[in-house]
């Protein structure tokens, strides 16, 4: 039987974004960085609209290469 793991909420600032490669990193409130992929961005409506310095909230999930952010939304 598969084990269900609770999603953890996070909040931070977009530190680096590579629009041409489709990913970036968020500086979390605790000072560590977390990876995100373009497919994890929910709002702004398009990944291309997300910019360095935007404040965001997200969910943290385990991935094969470590934790990543999904369900990313801009905080207004």
PDB file of N, CA and C in Angstrom:
ATOM      1  N   UNK A   1       0.846  -1.183   0.000  1.00  0.00           N
ATOM      2  CA  UNK A   1       0.000   0.000   0.000  1.00  0.00           C
ATOM      3  C   UNK A   1       0.889   1.243   0.000  1.00  0.00           C
ATOM      4  N   UNK A   2       0.564   2.224  -0.832  1.00  0.00           N
ATOM      5  CA  UNK A   2       1.347   3.467  -0.921  1.00  0.00           C
ATOM      6  C   UNK A   2       1.126   4.309   0.327  1.00  0.00           C
ATOM      7  N   UNK A   3       2.195   4.971   0.728  1.00  0.00           N
ATOM      8  CA  UNK A   3       2.128   5.820   1.909  1.00  0.00           C
ATOM      9  C   UNK A   3       1.805   7.246   1.479  1.00  0.00           C
ATOM     10  N   UNK A   4       0.795   7.873   2.095  1.00  0.00           N
ATOM     11  CA  UNK A   4       0.440   9.264   1.792  1.00  0.00           C
ATOM     12  C   UNK A   4       1.261  10.187   2.662  1.00  0.00           C
ATOM     13  N   UNK A   5       1.854  11.203   2.040  1.00  0.00           N
ATOM     14  CA  UNK A   5       2.638  12.169   2.778  1.00  0.00           C
ATOM     15  C   UNK A   5       1.943  13.523   2.697  1.00  0.00           C
ATOM     16  N   UNK A   6       1.899  14.225   3.813  1.00  0.00           N
ATOM     17  CA  UNK A   6       1.252  15.534   3.852  1.00  0.00           C
ATOM     18  C   UNK A   6       2.085  16.540   3.071  1.00  0.00           C
ATOM     19  N   UNK A   7       1.404  17.403   2.320  1.00  0.00           N
ATOM     20  CA  UNK A   7       2.085  18.485   1.630  1.00  0.00           C
ATOM     21  C   UNK A   7       2.383  19.588   2.634  1.00  0.00           C
ATOM     22  N   UNK A   8       3.534  20.194   2.492  1.00  0.00           N
ATOM     23  CA  UNK A   8       3.951  21.273   3.381  1.00  0.00           C
ATOM     24  C   UNK A   8       3.841  22.580   2.618  1.00  0.00           C
ATOM     25  N   UNK A   9       3.264  23.585   3.247  1.00  0.00           N
ATOM     26  CA  UNK A   9       3.140  24.898   2.616  1.00  0.00           C
ATOM     27  C   UNK A   9       4.418  25.692   2.833  1.00  0.00           C
ATOM     28  N   UNK A  10       4.757  26.514   1.848  1.00  0.00           N
ATOM     29  CA  UNK A  10       5.927  27.360   1.950  1.00  0.00           C
ATOM     30  C   UNK A  10       5.638  28.750   1.419  1.00  0.00           C
ATOM     31  N   UNK A  11       6.542  29.672   1.741  1.00  0.00           N
ATOM     32  CA  UNK A  11       6.417  31.047   1.295  1.00  0.00           C
ATOM     33  C   UNK A  11       7.821  31.585   1.070  1.00  0.00           C
ATOM     34  N   UNK A  12       8.005  32.377   0.028  1.00  0.00           N
ATOM     35  CA  UNK A  12       9.323  32.922  -0.245  1.00  0.00           C
ATOM     36  C   UNK A  12       9.314  33.921  -1.388  1.00  0.00           C
ATOM     37  N   UNK A  13      10.510  34.185  -1.917  1.00  0.00           N
ATOM     38  CA  UNK A  13      10.720  35.151  -2.987  1.00  0.00           C
ATOM     39  C   UNK A  13      11.398  34.429  -4.155  1.00  0.00           C
ATOM     40  N   UNK A  14      10.938  34.692  -5.378  1.00  0.00           N
ATOM     41  CA  UNK A  14      11.600  34.110  -6.542  1.00  0.00           C
ATOM     42  C   UNK A  14      13.013  34.690  -6.604  1.00  0.00           C
ATOM     43  N   UNK A  15      14.000  33.822  -6.463  1.00  0.00           N
ATOM     44  CA  UNK A  15      15.405  34.233  -6.441  1.00  0.00           C
ATOM     45  C   UNK A  15      15.980  34.279  -7.854  1.00  0.00           C
ATOM     46  N   UNK A  16      15.802  33.198  -8.590  1.00  0.00           N
ATOM     47  CA  UNK A  16      16.348  33.072  -9.937  1.00  0.00           C
ATOM     48  C   UNK A  16      15.314  32.387 -10.809  1.00  0.00           C
ATOM     49  N   UNK A  17      15.176  32.879 -12.039  1.00  0.00           N
ATOM     50  CA  UNK A  17      14.237  32.237 -12.960  1.00  0.00           C
ATOM     51  C   UNK A  17      14.874  32.173 -14.348  1.00  0.00           C
ATOM     52  N   UNK A  18      14.773  31.013 -14.961  1.00  0.00           N
ATOM     53  CA  UNK A  18      15.308  30.782 -16.295  1.00  0.00           C
ATOM     54  C   UNK A  18      14.133  30.526 -17.232  1.00  0.00           C
ATOM     55  N   UNK A  19      13.592  31.605 -17.790  1.00  0.00           N
ATOM     56  CA  UNK A  19      12.423  31.465 -18.656  1.00  0.00           C
ATOM     57  C   UNK A  19      12.723  30.585 -19.862  1.00  0.00           C
ATOM     58  N   UNK A  20      13.937  30.675 -20.402  1.00  0.00           N
ATOM     59  CA  UNK A  20      14.295  29.891 -21.585  1.00  0.00           C
ATOM     60  C   UNK A  20      14.434  28.400 -21.293  1.00  0.00           C
ATOM     61  N   UNK A  21      14.682  28.051 -20.029  1.00  0.00           N
ATOM     62  CA  UNK A  21      14.852  26.646 -19.648  1.00  0.00           C
ATOM     63  C   UNK A  21      13.648  26.072 -18.904  1.00  0.00           C
ATOM     64  N   UNK A  22      12.724  26.955 -18.458  1.00  0.00           N
ATOM     65  CA  UNK A  22      11.492  26.486 -17.833  1.00  0.00           C
ATOM     66  C   UNK A  22      11.590  26.109 -16.372  1.00  0.00           C
ATOM     67  N   UNK A  23      12.531  26.712 -15.621  1.00  0.00           N
ATOM     68  CA  UNK A  23      12.621  26.433 -14.197  1.00  0.00           C
ATOM     69  C   UNK A  23      13.257  27.610 -13.467  1.00  0.00           C
ATOM     70  N   UNK A  24      13.264  27.506 -12.139  1.00  0.00           N
ATOM     71  CA  UNK A  24      13.878  28.542 -11.324  1.00  0.00           C
ATOM     72  C   UNK A  24      14.020  28.079  -9.885  1.00  0.00           C
ATOM     73  N   UNK A  25      14.378  29.033  -9.024  1.00  0.00           N
ATOM     74  CA  UNK A  25      14.566  28.750  -7.604  1.00  0.00           C
ATOM     75  C   UNK A  25      13.897  29.825  -6.762  1.00  0.00           C
ATOM     76  N   UNK A  26      13.323  29.388  -5.660  1.00  0.00           N
ATOM     77  CA  UNK A  26      12.679  30.283  -4.704  1.00  0.00           C
ATOM     78  C   UNK A  26      13.521  30.316  -3.441  1.00  0.00           C
ATOM     79  N   UNK A  27      13.791  31.513  -2.923  1.00  0.00           N
ATOM     80  CA  UNK A  27      14.454  31.647  -1.619  1.00  0.00           C
ATOM     81  C   UNK A  27      13.351  31.582  -0.574  1.00  0.00           C
ATOM     82  N   UNK A  28      13.353  30.497   0.198  1.00  0.00           N
ATOM     83  CA  UNK A  28      12.328  30.277   1.211  1.00  0.00           C
ATOM     84  C   UNK A  28      12.540  31.201   2.408  1.00  0.00           C
ATOM     85  N   UNK A  29      11.511  31.358   3.221  1.00  0.00           N
ATOM     86  CA  UNK A  29      11.599  32.214   4.403  1.00  0.00           C
ATOM     87  C   UNK A  29      12.709  31.784   5.353  1.00  0.00           C
ATOM     88  N   UNK A  30      13.075  30.491   5.336  1.00  0.00           N
ATOM     89  CA  UNK A  30      14.142  30.017   6.235  1.00  0.00           C
ATOM     90  C   UNK A  30      15.540  30.235   5.641  1.00  0.00           C
ATOM     91  N   UNK A  31      15.619  30.844   4.445  1.00  0.00           N
ATOM     92  CA  UNK A  31      16.901  31.158   3.830  1.00  0.00           C
ATOM     93  C   UNK A  31      17.432  30.116   2.860  1.00  0.00           C
ATOM     94  N   UNK A  32      16.774  28.965   2.773  1.00  0.00           N
ATOM     95  CA  UNK A  32      17.205  27.932   1.827  1.00  0.00           C
ATOM     96  C   UNK A  32      16.479  28.129   0.498  1.00  0.00           C
ATOM     97  N   UNK A  33      17.046  27.545  -0.548  1.00  0.00           N
ATOM     98  CA  UNK A  33      16.447  27.641  -1.880  1.00  0.00           C
ATOM     99  C   UNK A  33      15.736  26.345  -2.232  1.00  0.00           C
ATOM    100  N   UNK A  34      14.656  26.470  -3.008  1.00  0.00           N
ATOM    101  CA  UNK A  34      13.912  25.308  -3.479  1.00  0.00           C
ATOM    102  C   UNK A  34      13.668  25.449  -4.976  1.00  0.00           C
ATOM    103  N   UNK A  35      13.803  24.352  -5.686  1.00  0.00           N
ATOM    104  CA  UNK A  35      13.614  24.277  -7.130  1.00  0.00           C
ATOM    105  C   UNK A  35      12.138  24.344  -7.485  1.00  0.00           C
ATOM    106  N   UNK A  36      11.825  24.940  -8.644  1.00  0.00           N
ATOM    107  CA  UNK A  36      10.478  24.827  -9.208  1.00  0.00           C
ATOM    108  C   UNK A  36      10.572  24.729 -10.723  1.00  0.00           C
ATOM    109  N   UNK A  37       9.591  24.047 -11.301  1.00  0.00           N
ATOM    110  CA  UNK A  37       9.481  23.880 -12.750  1.00  0.00           C
ATOM    111  C   UNK A  37       8.317  24.739 -13.239  1.00  0.00           C
ATOM    112  N   UNK A  38       8.362  25.121 -14.498  1.00  0.00           N
ATOM    113  CA  UNK A  38       7.302  25.951 -15.085  1.00  0.00           C
ATOM    114  C   UNK A  38       5.918  25.336 -14.885  1.00  0.00           C
ATOM    115  N   UNK A  39       5.826  24.015 -14.916  1.00  0.00           N
ATOM    116  CA  UNK A  39       4.530  23.343 -14.761  1.00  0.00           C
ATOM    117  C   UNK A  39       3.948  23.508 -13.361  1.00  0.00           C
ATOM    118  N   UNK A  40       4.762  23.956 -12.395  1.00  0.00           N
ATOM    119  CA  UNK A  40       4.288  24.142 -11.022  1.00  0.00           C
ATOM    120  C   UNK A  40       3.711  25.516 -10.743  1.00  0.00           C
ATOM    121  N   UNK A  41       3.716  26.410 -11.744  1.00  0.00           N
ATOM    122  CA  UNK A  41       3.219  27.778 -11.557  1.00  0.00           C
ATOM    123  C   UNK A  41       1.731  27.835 -11.873  1.00  0.00           C
ATOM    124  N   UNK A  42       0.932  28.282 -10.892  1.00  0.00           N
ATOM    125  CA  UNK A  42      -0.520  28.388 -11.071  1.00  0.00           C
ATOM    126  C   UNK A  42      -0.969  29.825 -11.336  1.00  0.00           C
ATOM    127  N   UNK A  43      -0.301  30.783 -10.722  1.00  0.00           N
ATOM    128  CA  UNK A  43      -0.695  32.190 -10.814  1.00  0.00           C
ATOM    129  C   UNK A  43       0.533  33.028 -10.547  1.00  0.00           C
ATOM    130  N   UNK A  44       1.050  33.889 -11.409  1.00  0.00           N
ATOM    131  CA  UNK A  44       0.378  34.414 -12.580  1.00  0.00           C
ATOM    132  C   UNK A  44      -0.017  33.289 -13.533  1.00  0.00           C
ATOM    133  N   UNK A  45      -0.980  33.594 -14.412  1.00  0.00           N
ATOM    134  CA  UNK A  45      -1.493  32.537 -15.281  1.00  0.00           C
ATOM    135  C   UNK A  45      -0.423  31.846 -16.115  1.00  0.00           C
ATOM    136  N   UNK A  46       0.658  32.557 -16.442  1.00  0.00           N
ATOM    137  CA  UNK A  46       1.700  31.952 -17.265  1.00  0.00           C
ATOM    138  C   UNK A  46       3.047  32.044 -16.552  1.00  0.00           C
ATOM    139  N   UNK A  47       3.856  31.010 -16.707  1.00  0.00           N
ATOM    140  CA  UNK A  47       5.206  30.981 -16.164  1.00  0.00           C
ATOM    141  C   UNK A  47       6.000  32.198 -16.624  1.00  0.00           C
ATOM    142  N   UNK A  48       5.800  32.610 -17.872  1.00  0.00           N
ATOM    143  CA  UNK A  48       6.542  33.724 -18.443  1.00  0.00           C
ATOM    144  C   UNK A  48       6.296  35.037 -17.703  1.00  0.00           C
ATOM    145  N   UNK A  49       5.169  35.146 -16.982  1.00  0.00           N
ATOM    146  CA  UNK A  49       4.839  36.373 -16.253  1.00  0.00           C
ATOM    147  C   UNK A  49       5.508  36.452 -14.882  1.00  0.00           C
ATOM    148  N   UNK A  50       6.036  35.345 -14.396  1.00  0.00           N
ATOM    149  CA  UNK A  50       6.692  35.316 -13.091  1.00  0.00           C
ATOM    150  C   UNK A  50       8.067  35.972 -13.201  1.00  0.00           C
ATOM    151  N   UNK A  51       8.431  36.792 -12.211  1.00  0.00           N
ATOM    152  CA  UNK A  51       9.690  37.543 -12.244  1.00  0.00           C
ATOM    153  C   UNK A  51      10.466  37.369 -10.950  1.00  0.00           C
ATOM    154  N   UNK A  52      11.781  37.549 -11.043  1.00  0.00           N
ATOM    155  CA  UNK A  52      12.623  37.550  -9.847  1.00  0.00           C
ATOM    156  C   UNK A  52      12.137  38.650  -8.917  1.00  0.00           C
ATOM    157  N   UNK A  53      12.088  38.339  -7.618  1.00  0.00           N
ATOM    158  CA  UNK A  53      11.621  39.293  -6.628  1.00  0.00           C
ATOM    159  C   UNK A  53      10.155  39.156  -6.276  1.00  0.00           C
ATOM    160  N   UNK A  54       9.376  38.415  -7.080  1.00  0.00           N
ATOM    161  CA  UNK A  54       7.964  38.194  -6.750  1.00  0.00           C
ATOM    162  C   UNK A  54       7.865  37.364  -5.474  1.00  0.00           C
ATOM    163  N   UNK A  55       6.977  37.772  -4.590  1.00  0.00           N
ATOM    164  CA  UNK A  55       6.694  36.989  -3.393  1.00  0.00           C
ATOM    165  C   UNK A  55       5.680  35.915  -3.776  1.00  0.00           C
ATOM    166  N   UNK A  56       5.960  34.673  -3.371  1.00  0.00           N
ATOM    167  CA  UNK A  56       5.107  33.552  -3.756  1.00  0.00           C
ATOM    168  C   UNK A  56       4.820  32.640  -2.563  1.00  0.00           C
ATOM    169  N   UNK A  57       3.740  31.877  -2.714  1.00  0.00           N
ATOM    170  CA  UNK A  57       3.463  30.781  -1.778  1.00  0.00           C
ATOM    171  C   UNK A  57       3.294  29.530  -2.614  1.00  0.00           C
ATOM    172  N   UNK A  58       3.496  28.366  -2.006  1.00  0.00           N
ATOM    173  CA  UNK A  58       3.573  27.116  -2.752  1.00  0.00           C
ATOM    174  C   UNK A  58       3.444  25.937  -1.806  1.00  0.00           C
ATOM    175  N   UNK A  59       3.401  24.757  -2.395  1.00  0.00           N
ATOM    176  CA  UNK A  59       3.413  23.505  -1.652  1.00  0.00           C
ATOM    177  C   UNK A  59       4.738  22.819  -1.949  1.00  0.00           C
ATOM    178  N   UNK A  60       5.294  22.149  -0.949  1.00  0.00           N
ATOM    179  CA  UNK A  60       6.562  21.445  -1.107  1.00  0.00           C
ATOM    180  C   UNK A  60       6.284  19.950  -1.220  1.00  0.00           C
ATOM    181  N   UNK A  61       6.851  19.332  -2.255  1.00  0.00           N
ATOM    182  CA  UNK A  61       6.706  17.888  -2.449  1.00  0.00           C
ATOM    183  C   UNK A  61       8.079  17.274  -2.649  1.00  0.00           C
ATOM    184  N   UNK A  62       8.177  15.998  -2.322  1.00  0.00           N
ATOM    185  CA  UNK A  62       9.419  15.261  -2.550  1.00  0.00           C
ATOM    186  C   UNK A  62       9.488  14.863  -4.016  1.00  0.00           C
ATOM    187  N   UNK A  63      10.673  14.996  -4.595  1.00  0.00           N
ATOM    188  CA  UNK A  63      10.921  14.601  -5.978  1.00  0.00           C
ATOM    189  C   UNK A  63      12.178  13.730  -5.989  1.00  0.00           C
ATOM    190  N   UNK A  64      12.435  13.019  -7.062  1.00  0.00           N
ATOM    191  CA  UNK A  64      13.614  12.133  -7.110  1.00  0.00           C
ATOM    192  C   UNK A  64      14.938  12.838  -6.787  1.00  0.00           C
ATOM    193  N   UNK A  65      15.063  14.112  -7.157  1.00  0.00           N
ATOM    194  CA  UNK A  65      16.318  14.832  -6.906  1.00  0.00           C
ATOM    195  C   UNK A  65      16.233  15.766  -5.698  1.00  0.00           C
ATOM    196  N   UNK A  66      15.205  15.615  -4.861  1.00  0.00           N
ATOM    197  CA  UNK A  66      15.031  16.470  -3.680  1.00  0.00           C
ATOM    198  C   UNK A  66      13.681  17.167  -3.723  1.00  0.00           C
ATOM    199  N   UNK A  67      13.456  18.031  -2.758  1.00  0.00           N
ATOM    200  CA  UNK A  67      12.178  18.729  -2.688  1.00  0.00           C
ATOM    201  C   UNK A  67      12.027  19.730  -3.827  1.00  0.00           C
ATOM    202  N   UNK A  68      10.750  19.954  -4.227  1.00  0.00           N
ATOM    203  CA  UNK A  68      10.461  20.984  -5.216  1.00  0.00           C
ATOM    204  C   UNK A  68       9.146  21.661  -4.865  1.00  0.00           C
ATOM    205  N   UNK A  69       8.966  22.861  -5.405  1.00  0.00           N
ATOM    206  CA  UNK A  69       7.753  23.636  -5.163  1.00  0.00           C
ATOM    207  C   UNK A  69       6.753  23.405  -6.290  1.00  0.00           C
ATOM    208  N   UNK A  70       5.468  23.245  -5.917  1.00  0.00           N
ATOM    209  CA  UNK A  70       4.380  23.128  -6.885  1.00  0.00           C
ATOM    210  C   UNK A  70       3.247  24.032  -6.425  1.00  0.00           C
ATOM    211  N   UNK A  71       2.258  24.240  -7.269  1.00  0.00           N
ATOM    212  CA  UNK A  71       1.100  25.056  -6.895  1.00  0.00           C
ATOM    213  C   UNK A  71       1.509  26.478  -6.552  1.00  0.00           C
ATOM    214  N   UNK A  72       2.451  27.025  -7.294  1.00  0.00           N
ATOM    215  CA  UNK A  72       3.027  28.335  -6.979  1.00  0.00           C
ATOM    216  C   UNK A  72       2.070  29.446  -7.366  1.00  0.00           C
ATOM    217  N   UNK A  73       1.796  30.342  -6.411  1.00  0.00           N
ATOM    218  CA  UNK A  73       0.950  31.499  -6.663  1.00  0.00           C
ATOM    219  C   UNK A  73       1.627  32.746  -6.122  1.00  0.00           C
ATOM    220  N   UNK A  74       1.414  33.852  -6.821  1.00  0.00           N
ATOM    221  CA  UNK A  74       1.986  35.137  -6.386  1.00  0.00           C
ATOM    222  C   UNK A  74       1.183  35.675  -5.218  1.00  0.00           C
ATOM    223  N   UNK A  75       1.885  36.241  -4.236  1.00  0.00           N
ATOM    224  CA  UNK A  75       1.236  36.868  -3.079  1.00  0.00           C
ATOM    225  C   UNK A  75       1.107  38.355  -3.397  1.00  0.00           C
ATOM    226  N   UNK A  76      -0.128  38.880  -3.320  1.00  0.00           N
ATOM    227  CA  UNK A  76      -0.354  40.298  -3.611  1.00  0.00           C
ATOM    228  C   UNK A  76      -0.517  41.082  -2.342  1.00  0.00           C
TER     229      UNK A  76
END
